[in-house]
Protein backbone atom coordinates (compact mmCIF):
# COMPACT_ATOMS: atom_id res chain seq x y z
CA UNK A 1 0.00 0.00 0.00
CA UNK A 2 1.28 3.42 -0.89
CA UNK A 3 2.15 5.84 1.86
CA UNK A 4 1.47 8.82 -0.39
CA UNK A 5 -0.80 11.39 1.21
CA UNK A 6 -3.57 13.43 -0.36
CA UNK A 7 -3.99 17.00 0.71
CA UNK A 8 -6.34 19.69 -0.54
CA UNK A 9 -4.89 22.91 -1.88
CA UNK A 10 -6.56 26.34 -1.71
CA UNK A 11 -7.92 26.02 -5.28
CA UNK A 12 -9.88 22.88 -4.44
CA UNK A 13 -7.63 20.52 -6.39
CA UNK A 14 -5.69 17.76 -4.73
CA UNK A 15 -1.99 16.94 -4.72
CA UNK A 16 -0.06 13.89 -3.68
CA UNK A 17 3.14 13.78 -1.63
CA UNK A 18 5.53 10.86 -2.21
CA UNK A 19 8.24 9.67 0.13
CA UNK A 20 11.82 9.22 -1.19
CA UNK A 21 11.37 5.45 -1.53
CA UNK A 22 8.34 5.89 -3.78
CA UNK A 23 10.20 8.45 -5.87
CA UNK A 24 13.10 6.00 -6.30
CA UNK A 25 10.67 3.23 -7.29
CA UNK A 26 9.00 5.47 -9.88
CA UNK A 27 12.45 6.28 -11.32
CA UNK A 28 13.17 2.53 -11.51
CA UNK A 29 9.86 1.94 -13.31
CA UNK A 30 10.62 4.69 -15.82
CA UNK A 31 14.13 3.31 -16.41
CA UNK A 32 12.84 -0.24 -16.95
CA UNK A 33 10.18 1.01 -19.37
CA UNK A 34 12.90 2.90 -21.26
CA UNK A 35 14.77 -0.41 -21.57
CA UNK A 36 11.69 -1.80 -23.32
CA UNK A 37 10.12 -3.86 -20.55
CA UNK A 38 6.34 -4.12 -20.48
CA UNK A 39 4.48 -3.15 -17.33
CA UNK A 40 4.06 -6.85 -16.51
CA UNK A 41 7.81 -7.39 -16.89
CA UNK A 42 8.51 -4.34 -14.72
CA UNK A 43 6.27 -5.83 -12.03
CA UNK A 44 8.21 -9.12 -12.21
CA UNK A 45 11.59 -7.38 -11.99
CA UNK A 46 10.57 -5.15 -9.11
CA UNK A 47 8.88 -8.09 -7.42
CA UNK A 48 12.30 -9.79 -6.92
CA UNK A 49 11.95 -11.88 -10.11
CA UNK A 50 14.58 -10.39 -12.42
CA UNK A 51 14.33 -13.01 -15.21
CA UNK A 52 12.95 -10.38 -17.61
CA UNK A 53 15.73 -7.92 -16.86
CA UNK A 54 18.69 -9.75 -18.43
CA UNK A 55 17.32 -9.89 -22.01
CA UNK A 56 16.23 -6.25 -21.80
CA UNK A 57 19.68 -5.23 -20.57
CA UNK A 58 21.33 -7.28 -23.33
CA UNK A 59 19.16 -5.62 -26.00
CA UNK A 60 19.84 -2.16 -24.56
CA UNK A 61 23.58 -2.88 -24.46
CA UNK A 62 23.43 -4.00 -28.11
CA UNK A 63 21.67 -0.75 -29.11
CA UNK A 64 24.25 1.33 -27.24
CA UNK A 65 27.16 -0.58 -28.79
CA UNK A 66 25.66 -0.02 -32.26
CA UNK A 67 25.41 3.70 -31.51
CA UNK A 68 29.08 3.66 -30.46
CA UNK A 69 30.05 1.89 -33.73
CA UNK A 70 28.09 4.46 -35.77
CA UNK A 71 29.62 7.34 -33.82
CA UNK A 72 33.14 5.95 -34.24
CA UNK A 73 32.53 5.55 -37.98
CA UNK A 74 31.33 9.15 -38.25
CA UNK A 75 34.37 10.39 -36.28
CA UNK A 76 36.68 8.46 -38.63
CA UNK A 77 34.97 10.04 -41.70
CA UNK A 78 35.21 13.52 -40.16
CA UNK A 79 38.91 13.03 -39.39
CA UNK A 80 39.57 12.05 -43.01
CA UNK A 81 37.57 15.02 -44.32
CA UNK A 82 39.52 17.39 -42.07
CA UNK A 83 42.84 15.97 -43.29
CA UNK A 84 41.62 16.29 -46.88
CA UNK A 85 40.52 19.89 -46.23
CA UNK A 86 43.93 20.72 -44.77
CA UNK A 87 45.45 19.41 -48.01
CA UNK A 88 43.15 21.59 -50.12
CA UNK A 89 40.63 18.92 -51.15
CA UNK A 90 37.04 20.21 -50.95
CA UNK A 91 34.62 17.39 -50.09
CA UNK A 92 31.85 16.54 -52.50
CA UNK A 93 28.20 16.28 -51.52
CA UNK A 94 28.52 12.50 -51.62
CA UNK A 95 31.39 12.61 -49.13
CA UNK A 96 29.36 14.76 -46.74
CA UNK A 97 26.14 12.79 -46.97
CA UNK A 98 27.10 9.92 -44.67
CA UNK A 99 28.42 11.93 -41.74
CA UNK A 100 25.38 11.70 -39.51
CA UNK A 101 24.79 8.01 -40.16
CA UNK A 102 21.54 6.60 -41.39
CA UNK A 103 18.39 8.13 -39.98
CA UNK A 104 16.83 6.11 -37.21
CA UNK A 105 13.11 5.59 -37.69
CA UNK A 106 10.80 4.53 -34.90
CA UNK A 107 7.13 4.41 -34.11
CA UNK A 108 5.02 3.76 -31.03
CA UNK A 109 1.36 2.97 -30.46
CA UNK A 110 -0.79 2.24 -27.45
CA UNK A 111 -2.21 -1.23 -28.00
CA UNK A 112 -5.99 -1.65 -27.69
CA UNK A 113 -7.82 -4.40 -25.86
CA UNK A 114 -6.77 -7.00 -24.74
CA UNK A 115 -3.44 -5.28 -24.00
CA UNK A 116 -5.04 -2.48 -22.03
CA UNK A 117 -3.30 0.44 -23.73
CA UNK A 118 0.23 -0.90 -23.16
CA UNK A 119 2.77 1.01 -25.24
CA UNK A 120 4.33 -0.88 -28.18
CA UNK A 121 7.45 0.61 -29.75
CA UNK A 122 9.38 -0.25 -32.88
CA UNK A 123 12.87 1.25 -32.85
CA UNK A 124 15.56 1.49 -35.50
CA UNK A 125 13.21 0.58 -38.34
CA UNK A 126 15.12 0.04 -41.55
CA UNK A 127 13.81 1.69 -44.72
CA UNK A 128 11.11 -0.38 -46.42
CA UNK A 129 10.67 -0.94 -50.11
CA UNK A 130 7.32 -2.71 -49.94
CA UNK A 131 4.68 -3.01 -47.27
CA UNK A 132 2.47 -6.03 -47.75
CA UNK A 133 -0.38 -7.41 -45.72
CA UNK A 134 -4.05 -8.20 -45.78
CA UNK A 135 -6.78 -5.63 -46.19
CA UNK A 136 -7.29 -3.73 -42.95
CA UNK A 137 -3.85 -4.57 -41.53
CA UNK A 138 -2.80 -0.90 -41.21
CA UNK A 139 -0.20 -0.82 -43.98
CA UNK A 140 -1.47 2.51 -45.34
CA UNK A 141 -1.22 4.12 -41.90
CA UNK A 142 2.27 2.67 -41.41
CA UNK A 143 3.39 3.94 -44.82
CA UNK A 144 2.12 7.41 -43.99
CA UNK A 145 4.39 7.72 -40.93
C-alpha atoms as a PDB file:
ATOM      1  CA  UNK A   1       0.000   0.000   0.000  1.00  0.00           C
ATOM      2  CA  UNK A   2       1.278   3.424  -0.895  1.00  0.00           C
ATOM      3  CA  UNK A   3       2.150   5.838   1.862  1.00  0.00           C
ATOM      4  CA  UNK A   4       1.468   8.823  -0.387  1.00  0.00           C
ATOM      5  CA  UNK A   5      -0.797  11.386   1.210  1.00  0.00           C
ATOM      6  CA  UNK A   6      -3.565  13.426  -0.357  1.00  0.00           C
ATOM      7  CA  UNK A   7      -3.993  17.005   0.711  1.00  0.00           C
ATOM      8  CA  UNK A   8      -6.344  19.692  -0.541  1.00  0.00           C
ATOM      9  CA  UNK A   9      -4.891  22.907  -1.883  1.00  0.00           C
ATOM     10  CA  UNK A  10      -6.558  26.345  -1.707  1.00  0.00           C
ATOM     11  CA  UNK A  11      -7.919  26.017  -5.276  1.00  0.00           C
ATOM     12  CA  UNK A  12      -9.883  22.881  -4.441  1.00  0.00           C
ATOM     13  CA  UNK A  13      -7.632  20.522  -6.386  1.00  0.00           C
ATOM     14  CA  UNK A  14      -5.687  17.757  -4.730  1.00  0.00           C
ATOM     15  CA  UNK A  15      -1.990  16.943  -4.723  1.00  0.00           C
ATOM     16  CA  UNK A  16      -0.062  13.887  -3.683  1.00  0.00           C
ATOM     17  CA  UNK A  17       3.142  13.777  -1.627  1.00  0.00           C
ATOM     18  CA  UNK A  18       5.527  10.858  -2.206  1.00  0.00           C
ATOM     19  CA  UNK A  19       8.244   9.674   0.129  1.00  0.00           C
ATOM     20  CA  UNK A  20      11.824   9.219  -1.186  1.00  0.00           C
ATOM     21  CA  UNK A  21      11.366   5.447  -1.528  1.00  0.00           C
ATOM     22  CA  UNK A  22       8.339   5.892  -3.777  1.00  0.00           C
ATOM     23  CA  UNK A  23      10.198   8.452  -5.871  1.00  0.00           C
ATOM     24  CA  UNK A  24      13.098   6.004  -6.298  1.00  0.00           C
ATOM     25  CA  UNK A  25      10.673   3.233  -7.295  1.00  0.00           C
ATOM     26  CA  UNK A  26       9.002   5.473  -9.881  1.00  0.00           C
ATOM     27  CA  UNK A  27      12.447   6.278 -11.316  1.00  0.00           C
ATOM     28  CA  UNK A  28      13.166   2.528 -11.515  1.00  0.00           C
ATOM     29  CA  UNK A  29       9.863   1.937 -13.306  1.00  0.00           C
ATOM     30  CA  UNK A  30      10.619   4.693 -15.815  1.00  0.00           C
ATOM     31  CA  UNK A  31      14.128   3.307 -16.414  1.00  0.00           C
ATOM     32  CA  UNK A  32      12.841  -0.237 -16.947  1.00  0.00           C
ATOM     33  CA  UNK A  33      10.177   1.007 -19.368  1.00  0.00           C
ATOM     34  CA  UNK A  34      12.900   2.899 -21.260  1.00  0.00           C
ATOM     35  CA  UNK A  35      14.768  -0.409 -21.573  1.00  0.00           C
ATOM     36  CA  UNK A  36      11.693  -1.798 -23.325  1.00  0.00           C
ATOM     37  CA  UNK A  37      10.120  -3.864 -20.555  1.00  0.00           C
ATOM     38  CA  UNK A  38       6.342  -4.121 -20.480  1.00  0.00           C
ATOM     39  CA  UNK A  39       4.480  -3.153 -17.335  1.00  0.00           C
ATOM     40  CA  UNK A  40       4.061  -6.851 -16.515  1.00  0.00           C
ATOM     41  CA  UNK A  41       7.813  -7.394 -16.892  1.00  0.00           C
ATOM     42  CA  UNK A  42       8.511  -4.337 -14.723  1.00  0.00           C
ATOM     43  CA  UNK A  43       6.274  -5.829 -12.029  1.00  0.00           C
ATOM     44  CA  UNK A  44       8.213  -9.120 -12.214  1.00  0.00           C
ATOM     45  CA  UNK A  45      11.589  -7.384 -11.993  1.00  0.00           C
ATOM     46  CA  UNK A  46      10.571  -5.147  -9.110  1.00  0.00           C
ATOM     47  CA  UNK A  47       8.881  -8.094  -7.417  1.00  0.00           C
ATOM     48  CA  UNK A  48      12.299  -9.788  -6.923  1.00  0.00           C
ATOM     49  CA  UNK A  49      11.949 -11.876 -10.110  1.00  0.00           C
ATOM     50  CA  UNK A  50      14.583 -10.388 -12.420  1.00  0.00           C
ATOM     51  CA  UNK A  51      14.335 -13.008 -15.209  1.00  0.00           C
ATOM     52  CA  UNK A  52      12.947 -10.378 -17.606  1.00  0.00           C
ATOM     53  CA  UNK A  53      15.731  -7.915 -16.856  1.00  0.00           C
ATOM     54  CA  UNK A  54      18.691  -9.747 -18.435  1.00  0.00           C
ATOM     55  CA  UNK A  55      17.321  -9.893 -22.015  1.00  0.00           C
ATOM     56  CA  UNK A  56      16.234  -6.255 -21.795  1.00  0.00           C
ATOM     57  CA  UNK A  57      19.684  -5.226 -20.568  1.00  0.00           C
ATOM     58  CA  UNK A  58      21.334  -7.284 -23.326  1.00  0.00           C
ATOM     59  CA  UNK A  59      19.157  -5.621 -26.001  1.00  0.00           C
ATOM     60  CA  UNK A  60      19.845  -2.162 -24.563  1.00  0.00           C
ATOM     61  CA  UNK A  61      23.584  -2.877 -24.464  1.00  0.00           C
ATOM     62  CA  UNK A  62      23.431  -3.997 -28.108  1.00  0.00           C
ATOM     63  CA  UNK A  63      21.667  -0.750 -29.108  1.00  0.00           C
ATOM     64  CA  UNK A  64      24.253   1.328 -27.238  1.00  0.00           C
ATOM     65  CA  UNK A  65      27.155  -0.582 -28.790  1.00  0.00           C
ATOM     66  CA  UNK A  66      25.661  -0.016 -32.260  1.00  0.00           C
ATOM     67  CA  UNK A  67      25.413   3.696 -31.506  1.00  0.00           C
ATOM     68  CA  UNK A  68      29.080   3.662 -30.460  1.00  0.00           C
ATOM     69  CA  UNK A  69      30.049   1.892 -33.726  1.00  0.00           C
ATOM     70  CA  UNK A  70      28.090   4.456 -35.767  1.00  0.00           C
ATOM     71  CA  UNK A  71      29.618   7.344 -33.818  1.00  0.00           C
ATOM     72  CA  UNK A  72      33.144   5.955 -34.241  1.00  0.00           C
ATOM     73  CA  UNK A  73      32.532   5.555 -37.984  1.00  0.00           C
ATOM     74  CA  UNK A  74      31.330   9.152 -38.254  1.00  0.00           C
ATOM     75  CA  UNK A  75      34.369  10.393 -36.282  1.00  0.00           C
ATOM     76  CA  UNK A  76      36.681   8.459 -38.633  1.00  0.00           C
ATOM     77  CA  UNK A  77      34.975  10.036 -41.696  1.00  0.00           C
ATOM     78  CA  UNK A  78      35.209  13.518 -40.162  1.00  0.00           C
ATOM     79  CA  UNK A  79      38.913  13.032 -39.387  1.00  0.00           C
ATOM     80  CA  UNK A  80      39.575  12.054 -43.005  1.00  0.00           C
ATOM     81  CA  UNK A  81      37.571  15.020 -44.322  1.00  0.00           C
ATOM     82  CA  UNK A  82      39.523  17.393 -42.074  1.00  0.00           C
ATOM     83  CA  UNK A  83      42.836  15.972 -43.295  1.00  0.00           C
ATOM     84  CA  UNK A  84      41.620  16.291 -46.884  1.00  0.00           C
ATOM     85  CA  UNK A  85      40.517  19.895 -46.230  1.00  0.00           C
ATOM     86  CA  UNK A  86      43.930  20.725 -44.767  1.00  0.00           C
ATOM     87  CA  UNK A  87      45.451  19.409 -48.011  1.00  0.00           C
ATOM     88  CA  UNK A  88      43.151  21.585 -50.124  1.00  0.00           C
ATOM     89  CA  UNK A  89      40.626  18.922 -51.145  1.00  0.00           C
ATOM     90  CA  UNK A  90      37.043  20.212 -50.954  1.00  0.00           C
ATOM     91  CA  UNK A  91      34.617  17.389 -50.086  1.00  0.00           C
ATOM     92  CA  UNK A  92      31.848  16.535 -52.505  1.00  0.00           C
ATOM     93  CA  UNK A  93      28.201  16.278 -51.521  1.00  0.00           C
ATOM     94  CA  UNK A  94      28.523  12.499 -51.621  1.00  0.00           C
ATOM     95  CA  UNK A  95      31.392  12.607 -49.133  1.00  0.00           C
ATOM     96  CA  UNK A  96      29.364  14.755 -46.741  1.00  0.00           C
ATOM     97  CA  UNK A  97      26.135  12.789 -46.969  1.00  0.00           C
ATOM     98  CA  UNK A  98      27.100   9.922 -44.672  1.00  0.00           C
ATOM     99  CA  UNK A  99      28.423  11.930 -41.743  1.00  0.00           C
ATOM    100  CA  UNK A 100      25.379  11.703 -39.509  1.00  0.00           C
ATOM    101  CA  UNK A 101      24.794   8.008 -40.158  1.00  0.00           C
ATOM    102  CA  UNK A 102      21.541   6.602 -41.392  1.00  0.00           C
ATOM    103  CA  UNK A 103      18.390   8.133 -39.978  1.00  0.00           C
ATOM    104  CA  UNK A 104      16.826   6.108 -37.205  1.00  0.00           C
ATOM    105  CA  UNK A 105      13.109   5.593 -37.689  1.00  0.00           C
ATOM    106  CA  UNK A 106      10.801   4.532 -34.898  1.00  0.00           C
ATOM    107  CA  UNK A 107       7.126   4.407 -34.108  1.00  0.00           C
ATOM    108  CA  UNK A 108       5.016   3.761 -31.028  1.00  0.00           C
ATOM    109  CA  UNK A 109       1.360   2.972 -30.463  1.00  0.00           C
ATOM    110  CA  UNK A 110      -0.794   2.237 -27.454  1.00  0.00           C
ATOM    111  CA  UNK A 111      -2.211  -1.225 -28.001  1.00  0.00           C
ATOM    112  CA  UNK A 112      -5.986  -1.648 -27.693  1.00  0.00           C
ATOM    113  CA  UNK A 113      -7.824  -4.396 -25.859  1.00  0.00           C
ATOM    114  CA  UNK A 114      -6.768  -6.998 -24.743  1.00  0.00           C
ATOM    115  CA  UNK A 115      -3.442  -5.278 -23.999  1.00  0.00           C
ATOM    116  CA  UNK A 116      -5.042  -2.477 -22.029  1.00  0.00           C
ATOM    117  CA  UNK A 117      -3.299   0.439 -23.726  1.00  0.00           C
ATOM    118  CA  UNK A 118       0.225  -0.896 -23.160  1.00  0.00           C
ATOM    119  CA  UNK A 119       2.770   1.010 -25.241  1.00  0.00           C
ATOM    120  CA  UNK A 120       4.328  -0.876 -28.175  1.00  0.00           C
ATOM    121  CA  UNK A 121       7.446   0.610 -29.752  1.00  0.00           C
ATOM    122  CA  UNK A 122       9.381  -0.249 -32.882  1.00  0.00           C
ATOM    123  CA  UNK A 123      12.869   1.248 -32.850  1.00  0.00           C
ATOM    124  CA  UNK A 124      15.561   1.491 -35.503  1.00  0.00           C
ATOM    125  CA  UNK A 125      13.208   0.578 -38.340  1.00  0.00           C
ATOM    126  CA  UNK A 126      15.123   0.041 -41.546  1.00  0.00           C
ATOM    127  CA  UNK A 127      13.806   1.692 -44.724  1.00  0.00           C
ATOM    128  CA  UNK A 128      11.113  -0.383 -46.419  1.00  0.00           C
ATOM    129  CA  UNK A 129      10.674  -0.935 -50.108  1.00  0.00           C
ATOM    130  CA  UNK A 130       7.316  -2.713 -49.944  1.00  0.00           C
ATOM    131  CA  UNK A 131       4.678  -3.006 -47.265  1.00  0.00           C
ATOM    132  CA  UNK A 132       2.468  -6.026 -47.753  1.00  0.00           C
ATOM    133  CA  UNK A 133      -0.383  -7.407 -45.720  1.00  0.00           C
ATOM    134  CA  UNK A 134      -4.055  -8.197 -45.778  1.00  0.00           C
ATOM    135  CA  UNK A 135      -6.782  -5.634 -46.188  1.00  0.00           C
ATOM    136  CA  UNK A 136      -7.288  -3.726 -42.951  1.00  0.00           C
ATOM    137  CA  UNK A 137      -3.847  -4.570 -41.528  1.00  0.00           C
ATOM    138  CA  UNK A 138      -2.802  -0.904 -41.205  1.00  0.00           C
ATOM    139  CA  UNK A 139      -0.204  -0.824 -43.984  1.00  0.00           C
ATOM    140  CA  UNK A 140      -1.471   2.508 -45.337  1.00  0.00           C
ATOM    141  CA  UNK A 141      -1.220   4.119 -41.897  1.00  0.00           C
ATOM    142  CA  UNK A 142       2.271   2.672 -41.413  1.00  0.00           C
ATOM    143  CA  UNK A 143       3.390   3.941 -44.823  1.00  0.00           C
ATOM    144  CA  UNK A 144       2.117   7.413 -43.993  1.00  0.00           C
ATOM    145  CA  UNK A 145       4.390   7.717 -40.925  1.00  0.00           C
END
